[in-house]
Amino acid sequence: MTIGIWNPEPDDRDDLYVCLFNPAEYEAPGLNDWDDALDVFQMDDILIPDAYEQLQSALFDYDDHFEMALSEKDFSTHPTEILEDELKGELAKKEMRSIEKQ
């Protein structure tokens, strides 16, 4: 599962966020409903401070691609909950695409 990290202002190291799928907000397949089903979360609300600082360093202090291993203890929100919701979002996308093709 890949989740994009957004940084709308590249000079602001503290403006890192993700858009995560919220199944409770997704009612029916369709592009208009999709935007309503995404919630914005600041990364410093999802990760504990040490993990957030590692992420900032990897993103802003190095030019190379990187991999960052995170464990359950690095999250302030349980990662299983995030993963389950994102998997539901992937299924919803597939359903939405198949209906739009018809």
N, C-alpha and C. Protein backbone atom coordinates (compact mmCIF):
# COMPACT_ATOMS: atom_id res chain seq x y z
N MET A 1 0.86 -1.17 0.00
CA MET A 1 0.00 0.00 0.00
C MET A 1 0.90 1.23 0.00
N THR A 2 0.67 2.13 -0.93
CA THR A 2 1.43 3.37 -1.01
C THR A 2 0.51 4.53 -0.66
N ILE A 3 0.95 5.36 0.24
CA ILE A 3 0.19 6.54 0.64
C ILE A 3 1.09 7.75 0.41
N GLY A 4 0.63 8.67 -0.43
CA GLY A 4 1.42 9.85 -0.73
C GLY A 4 1.44 10.84 0.42
N ILE A 5 2.60 11.41 0.64
CA ILE A 5 2.76 12.47 1.63
C ILE A 5 2.83 13.78 0.87
N TRP A 6 2.00 14.71 1.24
CA TRP A 6 1.90 15.99 0.55
C TRP A 6 2.60 17.08 1.33
N ASN A 7 3.18 17.99 0.59
CA ASN A 7 3.85 19.16 1.17
C ASN A 7 3.60 20.34 0.24
N PRO A 8 2.49 21.06 0.44
CA PRO A 8 2.13 22.14 -0.48
C PRO A 8 3.11 23.31 -0.48
N GLU A 9 3.83 23.49 0.60
CA GLU A 9 4.82 24.56 0.68
C GLU A 9 6.18 23.94 0.98
N PRO A 10 6.97 23.67 -0.06
CA PRO A 10 8.24 22.96 0.12
C PRO A 10 9.20 23.58 1.13
N ASP A 11 9.06 24.85 1.42
CA ASP A 11 9.94 25.48 2.41
C ASP A 11 9.47 25.24 3.84
N ASP A 12 8.28 24.70 4.01
CA ASP A 12 7.71 24.48 5.33
C ASP A 12 7.81 23.01 5.71
N ARG A 13 8.80 22.68 6.51
CA ARG A 13 9.03 21.29 6.93
C ARG A 13 7.90 20.74 7.79
N ASP A 14 7.09 21.61 8.35
CA ASP A 14 6.02 21.16 9.24
C ASP A 14 4.68 21.00 8.54
N ASP A 15 4.64 21.23 7.24
CA ASP A 15 3.37 21.14 6.51
C ASP A 15 3.32 19.85 5.70
N LEU A 16 3.37 18.72 6.39
CA LEU A 16 3.32 17.41 5.77
C LEU A 16 1.98 16.77 6.13
N TYR A 17 1.28 16.29 5.12
CA TYR A 17 -0.01 15.67 5.40
C TYR A 17 -0.31 14.55 4.43
N VAL A 18 -1.30 13.76 4.78
CA VAL A 18 -1.79 12.68 3.93
C VAL A 18 -3.31 12.81 3.82
N CYS A 19 -3.83 12.32 2.72
CA CYS A 19 -5.28 12.22 2.53
C CYS A 19 -5.63 10.75 2.66
N LEU A 20 -6.37 10.40 3.69
CA LEU A 20 -6.72 9.02 3.95
C LEU A 20 -8.20 8.79 3.70
N PHE A 21 -8.52 7.59 3.25
CA PHE A 21 -9.89 7.22 2.95
C PHE A 21 -10.69 7.05 4.24
N ASN A 22 -11.88 7.60 4.27
CA ASN A 22 -12.78 7.47 5.40
C ASN A 22 -14.03 6.72 4.93
N PRO A 23 -14.11 5.41 5.17
CA PRO A 23 -15.24 4.63 4.67
C PRO A 23 -16.59 5.13 5.15
N ALA A 24 -16.64 5.74 6.32
CA ALA A 24 -17.91 6.24 6.85
C ALA A 24 -18.48 7.37 6.00
N GLU A 25 -17.62 8.05 5.26
CA GLU A 25 -18.06 9.17 4.42
C GLU A 25 -18.34 8.77 2.98
N TYR A 26 -18.04 7.54 2.63
CA TYR A 26 -18.21 7.09 1.26
C TYR A 26 -19.52 6.35 1.13
N GLU A 27 -20.45 6.91 0.37
CA GLU A 27 -21.78 6.34 0.29
C GLU A 27 -22.03 5.56 -0.99
N ALA A 28 -21.59 6.08 -2.12
CA ALA A 28 -21.89 5.44 -3.39
C ALA A 28 -20.73 5.65 -4.34
N PRO A 29 -20.53 4.70 -5.25
CA PRO A 29 -19.43 4.87 -6.20
C PRO A 29 -19.67 6.05 -7.14
N GLY A 30 -18.69 6.87 -7.28
CA GLY A 30 -18.77 8.01 -8.17
C GLY A 30 -17.71 9.03 -7.81
N LEU A 31 -17.22 9.71 -8.80
CA LEU A 31 -16.13 10.64 -8.60
C LEU A 31 -16.48 11.76 -7.63
N ASN A 32 -17.69 12.27 -7.70
CA ASN A 32 -18.08 13.36 -6.80
C ASN A 32 -18.05 12.92 -5.34
N ASP A 33 -18.43 11.68 -5.10
CA ASP A 33 -18.44 11.17 -3.73
C ASP A 33 -17.02 10.88 -3.23
N TRP A 34 -16.11 10.64 -4.15
CA TRP A 34 -14.75 10.26 -3.75
C TRP A 34 -14.06 11.36 -2.95
N ASP A 35 -14.15 12.60 -3.39
CA ASP A 35 -13.51 13.70 -2.67
C ASP A 35 -14.05 13.84 -1.25
N ASP A 36 -15.33 13.57 -1.08
CA ASP A 36 -15.93 13.66 0.25
C ASP A 36 -15.44 12.56 1.18
N ALA A 37 -14.93 11.49 0.61
CA ALA A 37 -14.50 10.34 1.40
C ALA A 37 -13.04 10.42 1.83
N LEU A 38 -12.35 11.49 1.48
CA LEU A 38 -10.95 11.65 1.87
C LEU A 38 -10.84 12.66 3.00
N ASP A 39 -10.11 12.29 4.02
CA ASP A 39 -9.87 13.19 5.15
C ASP A 39 -8.39 13.56 5.17
N VAL A 40 -8.10 14.79 5.47
CA VAL A 40 -6.72 15.28 5.54
C VAL A 40 -6.21 15.15 6.97
N PHE A 41 -5.01 14.56 7.10
CA PHE A 41 -4.37 14.40 8.40
C PHE A 41 -2.95 14.94 8.33
N GLN A 42 -2.59 15.74 9.30
CA GLN A 42 -1.20 16.19 9.42
C GLN A 42 -0.36 14.99 9.86
N MET A 43 0.81 14.84 9.28
CA MET A 43 1.67 13.70 9.62
C MET A 43 2.10 13.72 11.08
N ASP A 44 2.22 14.90 11.66
CA ASP A 44 2.63 14.94 13.07
C ASP A 44 1.50 14.51 14.01
N ASP A 45 0.28 14.36 13.48
CA ASP A 45 -0.82 13.79 14.26
C ASP A 45 -0.87 12.27 14.14
N ILE A 46 -0.22 11.73 13.11
CA ILE A 46 -0.24 10.29 12.87
C ILE A 46 0.99 9.61 13.46
N LEU A 47 2.13 10.27 13.36
CA LEU A 47 3.38 9.69 13.85
C LEU A 47 3.77 10.29 15.20
N ILE A 48 4.49 9.51 15.98
CA ILE A 48 5.04 10.06 17.23
C ILE A 48 6.16 11.04 16.86
N PRO A 49 6.53 11.94 17.77
CA PRO A 49 7.52 12.98 17.42
C PRO A 49 8.83 12.46 16.85
N ASP A 50 9.42 11.40 17.40
CA ASP A 50 10.70 10.89 16.88
C ASP A 50 10.56 10.40 15.44
N ALA A 51 9.50 9.67 15.15
CA ALA A 51 9.28 9.15 13.79
C ALA A 51 9.00 10.30 12.83
N TYR A 52 8.28 11.30 13.29
CA TYR A 52 7.99 12.47 12.45
C TYR A 52 9.29 13.22 12.12
N GLU A 53 10.17 13.37 13.08
CA GLU A 53 11.45 14.04 12.83
C GLU A 53 12.31 13.24 11.85
N GLN A 54 12.28 11.90 11.95
CA GLN A 54 13.01 11.06 10.98
C GLN A 54 12.46 11.26 9.57
N LEU A 55 11.14 11.33 9.46
CA LEU A 55 10.51 11.54 8.16
C LEU A 55 10.91 12.90 7.60
N GLN A 56 10.85 13.94 8.40
CA GLN A 56 11.26 15.27 7.94
C GLN A 56 12.70 15.25 7.46
N SER A 57 13.58 14.64 8.22
CA SER A 57 14.98 14.57 7.84
C SER A 57 15.15 13.85 6.51
N ALA A 58 14.48 12.71 6.35
CA ALA A 58 14.59 11.95 5.11
C ALA A 58 14.07 12.74 3.92
N LEU A 59 12.99 13.47 4.11
CA LEU A 59 12.39 14.22 3.01
C LEU A 59 13.17 15.48 2.64
N PHE A 60 13.70 16.17 3.63
CA PHE A 60 14.28 17.49 3.38
C PHE A 60 15.81 17.55 3.40
N ASP A 61 16.45 16.59 4.03
CA ASP A 61 17.90 16.68 4.18
C ASP A 61 18.68 15.82 3.19
N TYR A 62 17.99 14.97 2.43
CA TYR A 62 18.67 14.07 1.49
C TYR A 62 18.01 14.15 0.13
N ASP A 63 18.80 14.02 -0.93
CA ASP A 63 18.28 14.07 -2.28
C ASP A 63 17.94 12.69 -2.84
N ASP A 64 18.43 11.65 -2.23
CA ASP A 64 18.23 10.29 -2.74
C ASP A 64 16.86 9.76 -2.33
N HIS A 65 16.40 8.76 -3.09
CA HIS A 65 15.19 8.05 -2.69
C HIS A 65 15.48 7.34 -1.38
N PHE A 66 14.46 7.13 -0.60
CA PHE A 66 14.67 6.48 0.69
C PHE A 66 13.51 5.56 1.01
N GLU A 67 13.79 4.63 1.88
CA GLU A 67 12.76 3.80 2.47
C GLU A 67 12.83 4.02 3.96
N MET A 68 11.68 4.06 4.57
CA MET A 68 11.63 4.28 6.01
C MET A 68 10.76 3.20 6.62
N ALA A 69 11.35 2.38 7.43
CA ALA A 69 10.61 1.31 8.10
C ALA A 69 9.95 1.87 9.35
N LEU A 70 8.66 1.68 9.44
CA LEU A 70 7.92 2.13 10.62
C LEU A 70 7.31 0.92 11.30
N SER A 71 7.27 0.95 12.60
CA SER A 71 6.61 -0.11 13.35
C SER A 71 5.41 0.48 14.09
N GLU A 72 4.66 -0.38 14.70
CA GLU A 72 3.46 0.04 15.41
C GLU A 72 3.74 1.14 16.43
N LYS A 73 4.89 1.06 17.08
CA LYS A 73 5.22 2.04 18.13
C LYS A 73 5.49 3.44 17.57
N ASP A 74 5.70 3.57 16.25
CA ASP A 74 5.97 4.86 15.64
C ASP A 74 4.71 5.67 15.33
N PHE A 75 3.56 5.05 15.50
CA PHE A 75 2.30 5.69 15.16
C PHE A 75 1.53 6.11 16.41
N SER A 76 0.90 7.26 16.34
CA SER A 76 -0.02 7.64 17.41
C SER A 76 -1.43 7.15 17.08
N THR A 77 -1.70 6.89 15.80
CA THR A 77 -2.93 6.24 15.34
C THR A 77 -2.53 4.82 14.96
N HIS A 78 -3.32 3.84 15.34
CA HIS A 78 -2.93 2.45 15.07
C HIS A 78 -2.83 2.22 13.56
N PRO A 79 -1.68 1.71 13.07
CA PRO A 79 -1.48 1.54 11.63
C PRO A 79 -2.44 0.54 10.99
N THR A 80 -2.93 -0.43 11.74
CA THR A 80 -3.87 -1.40 11.19
C THR A 80 -5.16 -0.70 10.77
N GLU A 81 -5.60 0.25 11.55
CA GLU A 81 -6.81 1.01 11.23
C GLU A 81 -6.62 1.79 9.93
N ILE A 82 -5.47 2.42 9.78
CA ILE A 82 -5.16 3.17 8.56
C ILE A 82 -5.13 2.22 7.36
N LEU A 83 -4.44 1.10 7.50
CA LEU A 83 -4.32 0.14 6.42
C LEU A 83 -5.69 -0.43 6.02
N GLU A 84 -6.49 -0.81 6.98
CA GLU A 84 -7.82 -1.35 6.67
C GLU A 84 -8.66 -0.34 5.90
N ASP A 85 -8.64 0.91 6.33
CA ASP A 85 -9.41 1.95 5.63
C ASP A 85 -8.87 2.17 4.22
N GLU A 86 -7.55 2.16 4.05
CA GLU A 86 -6.97 2.36 2.72
C GLU A 86 -7.31 1.20 1.80
N LEU A 87 -7.33 -0.02 2.32
CA LEU A 87 -7.73 -1.18 1.51
C LEU A 87 -9.20 -1.05 1.09
N LYS A 88 -10.05 -0.58 1.98
CA LYS A 88 -11.45 -0.33 1.62
C LYS A 88 -11.52 0.74 0.54
N GLY A 89 -10.66 1.73 0.62
CA GLY A 89 -10.61 2.78 -0.39
C GLY A 89 -10.20 2.24 -1.74
N GLU A 90 -9.23 1.33 -1.77
CA GLU A 90 -8.81 0.73 -3.04
C GLU A 90 -9.95 -0.07 -3.66
N LEU A 91 -10.69 -0.80 -2.85
CA LEU A 91 -11.85 -1.54 -3.36
C LEU A 91 -12.91 -0.58 -3.88
N ALA A 92 -13.13 0.52 -3.19
CA ALA A 92 -14.11 1.51 -3.63
C ALA A 92 -13.69 2.13 -4.96
N LYS A 93 -12.41 2.38 -5.14
CA LYS A 93 -11.90 2.92 -6.42
C LYS A 93 -12.18 1.96 -7.56
N LYS A 94 -11.90 0.68 -7.33
CA LYS A 94 -12.14 -0.32 -8.38
C LYS A 94 -13.62 -0.37 -8.74
N GLU A 95 -14.47 -0.33 -7.72
CA GLU A 95 -15.92 -0.34 -7.97
C GLU A 95 -16.33 0.90 -8.75
N MET A 96 -15.81 2.05 -8.37
CA MET A 96 -16.13 3.31 -9.03
C MET A 96 -15.72 3.25 -10.50
N ARG A 97 -14.51 2.76 -10.77
CA ARG A 97 -14.01 2.68 -12.15
C ARG A 97 -14.84 1.73 -12.99
N SER A 98 -15.24 0.60 -12.42
CA SER A 98 -16.02 -0.36 -13.21
C SER A 98 -17.40 0.20 -13.54
N ILE A 99 -17.99 0.95 -12.65
CA ILE A 99 -19.30 1.57 -12.93
C ILE A 99 -19.17 2.67 -13.96
N GLU A 100 -18.07 3.46 -13.88
CA GLU A 100 -17.88 4.54 -14.86
C GLU A 100 -17.62 4.01 -16.26
N LYS A 101 -17.04 2.81 -16.39
CA LYS A 101 -16.79 2.22 -17.69
C LYS A 101 -18.07 1.73 -18.36
N GLN A 102 -19.09 1.46 -17.58
CA GLN A 102 -20.34 0.93 -18.14
C GLN A 102 -21.12 1.97 -18.87
